[in-house]
């Protein structure tokens, strides 16, 4: 087999930087961009863009700038990048034990029964097959999602969600569990609805956006909050859905 050609170089000017200092960066990841390589993804990742932007400054004292957490490939929004090893240690501690305050905007199927609520529902640590469940049992993890209606119609609701835990696909799994799947979710969602909203509202992606994150700064612990608005393609969907 011939070796695969290397991925094309990325244009670092396309990276949307929300905050940057000597310790860290906060960037606005677009939907469709993976954070890391893997699972058939060989290039064009957030890591590639960050390191192309930083150039020779990407690596200092044997540490190369790296994202401090993950966002699903189809989710857009704020993601933090550590530029120094002590910053990565700090963020790892916070994301593992301290739980920074993260707020998401999402569009879900149907009208919510009340203005706000809490979904306190343990989730399996990994999506497991029936066979693996019968062999090993399922390791359930505590998971809490708080939601608030921003606006809604009889068809769909725009929710602001904050998560107190950071489980895999937590918001998506929690909302489908209470009967309100995220619109555009190809894994857990309502596939007939997805086809319908693609045709009527032009939604071609998962409607989930990491709008805000609040955390102590790695340098001195001061409180920092970073926000980014809904991207234009999601604003357009809200207009077409008569939710703006």
C-alpha atoms as a PDB file:
ATOM      1  CA  UNK A   1       0.000   0.000   0.000  1.00  0.00           C
ATOM      2  CA  UNK A   2       1.193   3.460  -0.814  1.00  0.00           C
ATOM      3  CA  UNK A   3       1.580   5.753   2.187  1.00  0.00           C
ATOM      4  CA  UNK A   4      -1.226   8.252   2.630  1.00  0.00           C
ATOM      5  CA  UNK A   5      -0.322  11.811   1.658  1.00  0.00           C
ATOM      6  CA  UNK A   6       0.119  14.178   4.588  1.00  0.00           C
ATOM      7  CA  UNK A   7      -2.917  16.323   5.398  1.00  0.00           C
ATOM      8  CA  UNK A   8      -2.893  19.760   3.782  1.00  0.00           C
ATOM      9  CA  UNK A   9      -1.520  22.629   5.874  1.00  0.00           C
ATOM     10  CA  UNK A  10      -4.055  24.635   7.847  1.00  0.00           C
ATOM     11  CA  UNK A  11      -4.552  28.395   7.707  1.00  0.00           C
ATOM     12  CA  UNK A  12      -4.040  29.677  11.264  1.00  0.00           C
ATOM     13  CA  UNK A  13      -5.790  32.951  10.398  1.00  0.00           C
ATOM     14  CA  UNK A  14      -9.055  30.974  10.502  1.00  0.00           C
ATOM     15  CA  UNK A  15      -8.608  30.288  14.230  1.00  0.00           C
ATOM     16  CA  UNK A  16     -11.033  32.423  16.262  1.00  0.00           C
ATOM     17  CA  UNK A  17      -9.230  33.452  19.448  1.00  0.00           C
ATOM     18  CA  UNK A  18     -11.445  34.667  22.286  1.00  0.00           C
ATOM     19  CA  UNK A  19      -8.719  35.148  24.905  1.00  0.00           C
ATOM     20  CA  UNK A  20      -4.957  34.704  24.938  1.00  0.00           C
ATOM     21  CA  UNK A  21      -2.153  35.355  27.390  1.00  0.00           C
ATOM     22  CA  UNK A  22       1.186  33.778  28.221  1.00  0.00           C
ATOM     23  CA  UNK A  23      -0.453  30.846  30.011  1.00  0.00           C
ATOM     24  CA  UNK A  24      -3.458  29.867  27.951  1.00  0.00           C
ATOM     25  CA  UNK A  25      -5.819  30.507  25.061  1.00  0.00           C
ATOM     26  CA  UNK A  26      -9.581  30.253  24.685  1.00  0.00           C
ATOM     27  CA  UNK A  27     -10.710  29.566  21.128  1.00  0.00           C
ATOM     28  CA  UNK A  28     -14.058  29.237  19.376  1.00  0.00           C
ATOM     29  CA  UNK A  29     -14.177  25.782  17.784  1.00  0.00           C
ATOM     30  CA  UNK A  30     -16.456  25.494  14.748  1.00  0.00           C
ATOM     31  CA  UNK A  31     -18.784  22.537  14.275  1.00  0.00           C
ATOM     32  CA  UNK A  32     -17.197  19.770  12.216  1.00  0.00           C
ATOM     33  CA  UNK A  33     -13.675  20.345  13.516  1.00  0.00           C
ATOM     34  CA  UNK A  34     -12.238  17.547  15.664  1.00  0.00           C
ATOM     35  CA  UNK A  35     -10.139  18.533  18.668  1.00  0.00           C
ATOM     36  CA  UNK A  36      -7.576  15.736  18.176  1.00  0.00           C
ATOM     37  CA  UNK A  37      -6.623  13.236  15.494  1.00  0.00           C
ATOM     38  CA  UNK A  38      -8.009   9.697  15.718  1.00  0.00           C
ATOM     39  CA  UNK A  39     -10.867   7.566  14.373  1.00  0.00           C
ATOM     40  CA  UNK A  40      -9.920   8.262  10.774  1.00  0.00           C
ATOM     41  CA  UNK A  41      -9.233  11.972  11.393  1.00  0.00           C
ATOM     42  CA  UNK A  42      -5.709  12.761  10.214  1.00  0.00           C
ATOM     43  CA  UNK A  43      -5.601  16.536   9.959  1.00  0.00           C
ATOM     44  CA  UNK A  44      -7.416  19.836  10.177  1.00  0.00           C
ATOM     45  CA  UNK A  45      -7.897  19.434  13.918  1.00  0.00           C
ATOM     46  CA  UNK A  46      -8.037  22.166  16.537  1.00  0.00           C
ATOM     47  CA  UNK A  47      -4.596  21.024  17.679  1.00  0.00           C
ATOM     48  CA  UNK A  48      -3.259  21.595  14.156  1.00  0.00           C
ATOM     49  CA  UNK A  49      -4.703  25.107  14.001  1.00  0.00           C
ATOM     50  CA  UNK A  50      -3.433  26.086  17.455  1.00  0.00           C
ATOM     51  CA  UNK A  51       0.089  24.848  16.785  1.00  0.00           C
ATOM     52  CA  UNK A  52       0.180  26.467  13.330  1.00  0.00           C
ATOM     53  CA  UNK A  53      -0.922  29.755  14.913  1.00  0.00           C
ATOM     54  CA  UNK A  54       1.689  29.603  17.686  1.00  0.00           C
ATOM     55  CA  UNK A  55       4.459  28.424  15.367  1.00  0.00           C
ATOM     56  CA  UNK A  56       7.817  28.014  17.159  1.00  0.00           C
ATOM     57  CA  UNK A  57       6.204  29.246  20.400  1.00  0.00           C
ATOM     58  CA  UNK A  58       3.913  26.202  20.481  1.00  0.00           C
ATOM     59  CA  UNK A  59       6.542  24.227  22.411  1.00  0.00           C
ATOM     60  CA  UNK A  60       8.221  25.562  25.545  1.00  0.00           C
ATOM     61  CA  UNK A  61      10.196  23.627  28.138  1.00  0.00           C
ATOM     62  CA  UNK A  62       9.276  20.290  26.525  1.00  0.00           C
ATOM     63  CA  UNK A  63       5.546  21.069  26.645  1.00  0.00           C
ATOM     64  CA  UNK A  64       3.540  21.633  23.454  1.00  0.00           C
ATOM     65  CA  UNK A  65       0.344  23.703  23.603  1.00  0.00           C
ATOM     66  CA  UNK A  66      -2.668  21.392  23.872  1.00  0.00           C
ATOM     67  CA  UNK A  67      -6.441  21.592  24.472  1.00  0.00           C
ATOM     68  CA  UNK A  68      -7.288  21.201  28.150  1.00  0.00           C
ATOM     69  CA  UNK A  69     -10.615  19.427  27.507  1.00  0.00           C
ATOM     70  CA  UNK A  70     -12.777  18.124  24.679  1.00  0.00           C
ATOM     71  CA  UNK A  71     -15.814  19.108  22.697  1.00  0.00           C
ATOM     72  CA  UNK A  72     -17.594  16.678  20.403  1.00  0.00           C
ATOM     73  CA  UNK A  73     -16.670  17.190  16.772  1.00  0.00           C
ATOM     74  CA  UNK A  74     -20.153  18.460  15.863  1.00  0.00           C
ATOM     75  CA  UNK A  75     -20.385  20.792  18.885  1.00  0.00           C
ATOM     76  CA  UNK A  76     -19.195  24.378  18.474  1.00  0.00           C
ATOM     77  CA  UNK A  77     -17.996  26.839  21.086  1.00  0.00           C
ATOM     78  CA  UNK A  78     -15.402  27.694  23.702  1.00  0.00           C
ATOM     79  CA  UNK A  79     -12.483  25.396  24.344  1.00  0.00           C
ATOM     80  CA  UNK A  80      -9.452  26.125  26.544  1.00  0.00           C
ATOM     81  CA  UNK A  81      -5.860  25.514  25.466  1.00  0.00           C
ATOM     82  CA  UNK A  82      -2.900  25.271  27.853  1.00  0.00           C
ATOM     83  CA  UNK A  83       0.305  26.931  26.621  1.00  0.00           C
ATOM     84  CA  UNK A  84       2.439  25.837  29.599  1.00  0.00           C
ATOM     85  CA  UNK A  85       2.716  22.585  31.513  1.00  0.00           C
ATOM     86  CA  UNK A  86       1.632  24.183  34.836  1.00  0.00           C
ATOM     87  CA  UNK A  87      -1.476  25.489  33.072  1.00  0.00           C
ATOM     88  CA  UNK A  88      -2.312  21.986  31.826  1.00  0.00           C
ATOM     89  CA  UNK A  89      -1.820  20.558  35.325  1.00  0.00           C
ATOM     90  CA  UNK A  90      -4.133  23.272  36.674  1.00  0.00           C
ATOM     91  CA  UNK A  91      -6.837  22.666  34.059  1.00  0.00           C
ATOM     92  CA  UNK A  92      -6.619  18.883  34.439  1.00  0.00           C
ATOM     93  CA  UNK A  93      -7.229  19.258  38.177  1.00  0.00           C
ATOM     94  CA  UNK A  94     -10.170  21.591  37.600  1.00  0.00           C
ATOM     95  CA  UNK A  95     -11.830  19.468  34.937  1.00  0.00           C
ATOM     96  CA  UNK A  96     -11.288  16.298  36.966  1.00  0.00           C
ATOM     97  CA  UNK A  97     -12.292  17.549  40.402  1.00  0.00           C
ATOM     98  CA  UNK A  98     -13.368  21.190  40.339  1.00  0.00           C
ATOM     99  CA  UNK A  99     -15.843  21.233  37.436  1.00  0.00           C
ATOM    100  CA  UNK A 100     -15.596  24.666  35.798  1.00  0.00           C
ATOM    101  CA  UNK A 101     -18.928  26.332  35.099  1.00  0.00           C
ATOM    102  CA  UNK A 102     -19.882  25.475  31.508  1.00  0.00           C
ATOM    103  CA  UNK A 103     -23.010  26.747  29.787  1.00  0.00           C
ATOM    104  CA  UNK A 104     -24.405  25.452  26.514  1.00  0.00           C
ATOM    105  CA  UNK A 105     -27.181  26.514  24.160  1.00  0.00           C
ATOM    106  CA  UNK A 106     -29.152  23.745  22.494  1.00  0.00           C
ATOM    107  CA  UNK A 107     -32.337  23.349  20.472  1.00  0.00           C
ATOM    108  CA  UNK A 108     -34.481  20.375  21.442  1.00  0.00           C
ATOM    109  CA  UNK A 109     -37.587  18.639  20.148  1.00  0.00           C
ATOM    110  CA  UNK A 110     -40.941  19.707  21.534  1.00  0.00           C
ATOM    111  CA  UNK A 111     -42.166  22.138  24.160  1.00  0.00           C
ATOM    112  CA  UNK A 112     -40.745  21.841  27.673  1.00  0.00           C
ATOM    113  CA  UNK A 113     -43.295  21.218  30.453  1.00  0.00           C
ATOM    114  CA  UNK A 114     -41.922  24.022  32.660  1.00  0.00           C
ATOM    115  CA  UNK A 115     -39.482  26.950  32.495  1.00  0.00           C
ATOM    116  CA  UNK A 116     -36.506  25.193  34.090  1.00  0.00           C
ATOM    117  CA  UNK A 117     -35.457  21.926  35.635  1.00  0.00           C
ATOM    118  CA  UNK A 118     -32.709  19.551  36.695  1.00  0.00           C
ATOM    119  CA  UNK A 119     -31.897  16.184  35.135  1.00  0.00           C
ATOM    120  CA  UNK A 120     -30.167  14.084  37.790  1.00  0.00           C
ATOM    121  CA  UNK A 121     -29.644  10.781  36.020  1.00  0.00           C
ATOM    122  CA  UNK A 122     -26.568   8.524  36.263  1.00  0.00           C
ATOM    123  CA  UNK A 123     -25.006   7.608  32.923  1.00  0.00           C
ATOM    124  CA  UNK A 124     -22.984   4.579  31.881  1.00  0.00           C
ATOM    125  CA  UNK A 125     -19.291   5.458  31.745  1.00  0.00           C
ATOM    126  CA  UNK A 126     -19.030   4.047  28.222  1.00  0.00           C
ATOM    127  CA  UNK A 127     -21.590   3.265  25.554  1.00  0.00           C
ATOM    128  CA  UNK A 128     -21.504  -0.523  25.851  1.00  0.00           C
ATOM    129  CA  UNK A 129     -22.824  -3.375  23.771  1.00  0.00           C
ATOM    130  CA  UNK A 130     -25.344  -5.807  25.229  1.00  0.00           C
ATOM    131  CA  UNK A 131     -22.597  -8.435  25.360  1.00  0.00           C
ATOM    132  CA  UNK A 132     -20.167  -6.278  27.334  1.00  0.00           C
ATOM    133  CA  UNK A 133     -22.950  -5.256  29.732  1.00  0.00           C
ATOM    134  CA  UNK A 134     -23.773  -8.888  30.487  1.00  0.00           C
ATOM    135  CA  UNK A 135     -20.113  -9.787  30.984  1.00  0.00           C
ATOM    136  CA  UNK A 136     -18.851  -6.926  33.104  1.00  0.00           C
ATOM    137  CA  UNK A 137     -21.844  -4.989  34.297  1.00  0.00           C
ATOM    138  CA  UNK A 138     -22.119  -1.242  33.745  1.00  0.00           C
ATOM    139  CA  UNK A 139     -20.133   1.397  35.608  1.00  0.00           C
ATOM    140  CA  UNK A 140     -22.676   4.153  36.217  1.00  0.00           C
ATOM    141  CA  UNK A 141     -21.477   7.703  36.874  1.00  0.00           C
ATOM    142  CA  UNK A 142     -23.311  10.554  38.571  1.00  0.00           C
ATOM    143  CA  UNK A 143     -24.484  13.147  36.023  1.00  0.00           C
ATOM    144  CA  UNK A 144     -26.416  16.381  36.638  1.00  0.00           C
ATOM    145  CA  UNK A 145     -27.666  18.813  33.975  1.00  0.00           C
ATOM    146  CA  UNK A 146     -29.563  22.021  34.756  1.00  0.00           C
ATOM    147  CA  UNK A 147     -31.686  23.506  31.982  1.00  0.00           C
ATOM    148  CA  UNK A 148     -33.647  26.707  31.452  1.00  0.00           C
ATOM    149  CA  UNK A 149     -35.938  27.667  28.571  1.00  0.00           C
ATOM    150  CA  UNK A 150     -34.652  30.680  26.633  1.00  0.00           C
ATOM    151  CA  UNK A 151     -37.595  30.638  24.207  1.00  0.00           C
ATOM    152  CA  UNK A 152     -39.822  27.971  22.722  1.00  0.00           C
ATOM    153  CA  UNK A 153     -42.646  27.131  20.356  1.00  0.00           C
ATOM    154  CA  UNK A 154     -44.942  24.135  20.104  1.00  0.00           C
ATOM    155  CA  UNK A 155     -42.276  22.430  17.945  1.00  0.00           C
ATOM    156  CA  UNK A 156     -38.953  23.149  19.626  1.00  0.00           C
ATOM    157  CA  UNK A 157     -37.286  24.766  22.625  1.00  0.00           C
ATOM    158  CA  UNK A 158     -34.037  26.713  22.861  1.00  0.00           C
ATOM    159  CA  UNK A 159     -32.447  25.766  26.177  1.00  0.00           C
ATOM    160  CA  UNK A 160     -29.566  27.123  28.219  1.00  0.00           C
ATOM    161  CA  UNK A 161     -27.896  24.150  29.943  1.00  0.00           C
ATOM    162  CA  UNK A 162     -25.240  24.047  32.637  1.00  0.00           C
ATOM    163  CA  UNK A 163     -23.548  20.808  33.581  1.00  0.00           C
ATOM    164  CA  UNK A 164     -22.283  19.974  37.048  1.00  0.00           C
ATOM    165  CA  UNK A 165     -20.503  16.882  35.734  1.00  0.00           C
ATOM    166  CA  UNK A 166     -18.697  16.309  32.457  1.00  0.00           C
ATOM    167  CA  UNK A 167     -19.795  12.897  31.222  1.00  0.00           C
ATOM    168  CA  UNK A 168     -19.495  11.773  27.603  1.00  0.00           C
ATOM    169  CA  UNK A 169     -22.335  13.272  25.512  1.00  0.00           C
ATOM    170  CA  UNK A 170     -24.005  14.208  28.804  1.00  0.00           C
ATOM    171  CA  UNK A 171     -26.411  16.892  27.580  1.00  0.00           C
ATOM    172  CA  UNK A 172     -27.399  14.872  24.522  1.00  0.00           C
ATOM    173  CA  UNK A 173     -28.003  11.684  26.517  1.00  0.00           C
ATOM    174  CA  UNK A 174     -29.853  13.450  29.321  1.00  0.00           C
ATOM    175  CA  UNK A 175     -32.210  15.362  27.035  1.00  0.00           C
ATOM    176  CA  UNK A 176     -33.161  12.329  24.961  1.00  0.00           C
ATOM    177  CA  UNK A 177     -33.787  10.439  28.225  1.00  0.00           C
ATOM    178  CA  UNK A 178     -36.473  12.983  29.185  1.00  0.00           C
ATOM    179  CA  UNK A 179     -38.047  12.916  25.721  1.00  0.00           C
ATOM    180  CA  UNK A 180     -36.495  16.066  24.238  1.00  0.00           C
ATOM    181  CA  UNK A 181     -33.614  15.012  21.965  1.00  0.00           C
ATOM    182  CA  UNK A 182     -31.209  17.639  20.644  1.00  0.00           C
ATOM    183  CA  UNK A 183     -32.168  18.680  17.120  1.00  0.00           C
ATOM    184  CA  UNK A 184     -29.646  17.498  14.537  1.00  0.00           C
ATOM    185  CA  UNK A 185     -28.236  14.746  16.779  1.00  0.00           C
ATOM    186  CA  UNK A 186     -27.348  11.870  14.455  1.00  0.00           C
ATOM    187  CA  UNK A 187     -26.440   9.498  17.296  1.00  0.00           C
ATOM    188  CA  UNK A 188     -29.160   9.873  19.934  1.00  0.00           C
ATOM    189  CA  UNK A 189     -31.734  12.073  18.210  1.00  0.00           C
ATOM    190  CA  UNK A 190     -35.049  11.780  16.407  1.00  0.00           C
ATOM    191  CA  UNK A 191     -33.953  10.925  12.872  1.00  0.00           C
ATOM    192  CA  UNK A 192     -37.283  11.803  11.224  1.00  0.00           C
ATOM    193  CA  UNK A 193     -37.234  15.191  12.955  1.00  0.00           C
ATOM    194  CA  UNK A 194     -33.635  15.734  11.847  1.00  0.00           C
ATOM    195  CA  UNK A 195     -34.630  15.191   8.212  1.00  0.00           C
ATOM    196  CA  UNK A 196     -37.590  17.532   8.615  1.00  0.00           C
ATOM    197  CA  UNK A 197     -35.648  20.411  10.185  1.00  0.00           C
ATOM    198  CA  UNK A 198     -32.884  20.033   7.630  1.00  0.00           C
ATOM    199  CA  UNK A 199     -35.464  20.533   4.879  1.00  0.00           C
ATOM    200  CA  UNK A 200     -37.457  23.310   6.572  1.00  0.00           C
ATOM    201  CA  UNK A 201     -34.902  25.177   8.696  1.00  0.00           C
ATOM    202  CA  UNK A 202     -31.660  24.327   6.909  1.00  0.00           C
ATOM    203  CA  UNK A 203     -30.015  22.701   9.947  1.00  0.00           C
ATOM    204  CA  UNK A 204     -27.079  20.602   8.767  1.00  0.00           C
ATOM    205  CA  UNK A 205     -25.335  20.003  12.114  1.00  0.00           C
ATOM    206  CA  UNK A 206     -25.908  19.230  15.773  1.00  0.00           C
ATOM    207  CA  UNK A 207     -27.593  22.190  17.499  1.00  0.00           C
ATOM    208  CA  UNK A 208     -25.313  22.292  20.535  1.00  0.00           C
ATOM    209  CA  UNK A 209     -23.009  25.230  21.290  1.00  0.00           C
ATOM    210  CA  UNK A 210     -20.634  25.720  24.245  1.00  0.00           C
ATOM    211  CA  UNK A 211     -21.540  29.342  24.920  1.00  0.00           C
ATOM    212  CA  UNK A 212     -19.642  30.154  28.123  1.00  0.00           C
ATOM    213  CA  UNK A 213     -17.016  28.773  30.477  1.00  0.00           C
ATOM    214  CA  UNK A 214     -15.970  30.203  33.839  1.00  0.00           C
ATOM    215  CA  UNK A 215     -12.801  29.029  35.567  1.00  0.00           C
ATOM    216  CA  UNK A 216      -9.936  30.098  37.863  1.00  0.00           C
ATOM    217  CA  UNK A 217      -6.944  31.320  35.863  1.00  0.00           C
ATOM    218  CA  UNK A 218      -3.881  29.029  36.021  1.00  0.00           C
ATOM    219  CA  UNK A 219      -1.548  31.912  36.895  1.00  0.00           C
ATOM    220  CA  UNK A 220      -3.185  33.276  40.034  1.00  0.00           C
ATOM    221  CA  UNK A 221      -6.631  31.719  40.445  1.00  0.00           C
ATOM    222  CA  UNK A 222      -8.560  34.847  39.459  1.00  0.00           C
ATOM    223  CA  UNK A 223     -12.016  34.148  38.059  1.00  0.00           C
ATOM    224  CA  UNK A 224     -12.185  34.308  34.258  1.00  0.00           C
ATOM    225  CA  UNK A 225     -15.285  33.970  32.081  1.00  0.00           C
ATOM    226  CA  UNK A 226     -15.201  33.526  28.308  1.00  0.00           C
ATOM    227  CA  UNK A 227     -18.269  33.656  26.070  1.00  0.00           C
ATOM    228  CA  UNK A 228     -18.978  33.241  22.380  1.00  0.00           C
ATOM    229  CA  UNK A 229     -22.362  33.783  20.683  1.00  0.00           C
ATOM    230  CA  UNK A 230     -24.211  31.266  18.562  1.00  0.00           C
ATOM    231  CA  UNK A 231     -22.574  30.931  15.133  1.00  0.00           C
ATOM    232  CA  UNK A 232     -24.434  32.385  12.127  1.00  0.00           C
ATOM    233  CA  UNK A 233     -25.708  29.022  10.862  1.00  0.00           C
ATOM    234  CA  UNK A 234     -27.492  28.376  14.177  1.00  0.00           C
ATOM    235  CA  UNK A 235     -28.865  31.927  14.385  1.00  0.00           C
ATOM    236  CA  UNK A 236     -30.297  31.389  10.906  1.00  0.00           C
ATOM    237  CA  UNK A 237     -32.022  28.190  12.060  1.00  0.00           C
ATOM    238  CA  UNK A 238     -33.636  30.058  14.976  1.00  0.00           C
ATOM    239  CA  UNK A 239     -34.932  32.734  12.602  1.00  0.00           C
ATOM    240  CA  UNK A 240     -36.389  30.129  10.253  1.00  0.00           C
ATOM    241  CA  UNK A 241     -37.928  28.310  13.222  1.00  0.00           C
ATOM    242  CA  UNK A 242     -39.528  31.608  14.381  1.00  0.00           C
ATOM    243  CA  UNK A 243     -37.595  31.436  17.651  1.00  0.00           C
ATOM    244  CA  UNK A 244     -35.905  34.842  17.332  1.00  0.00           C
END
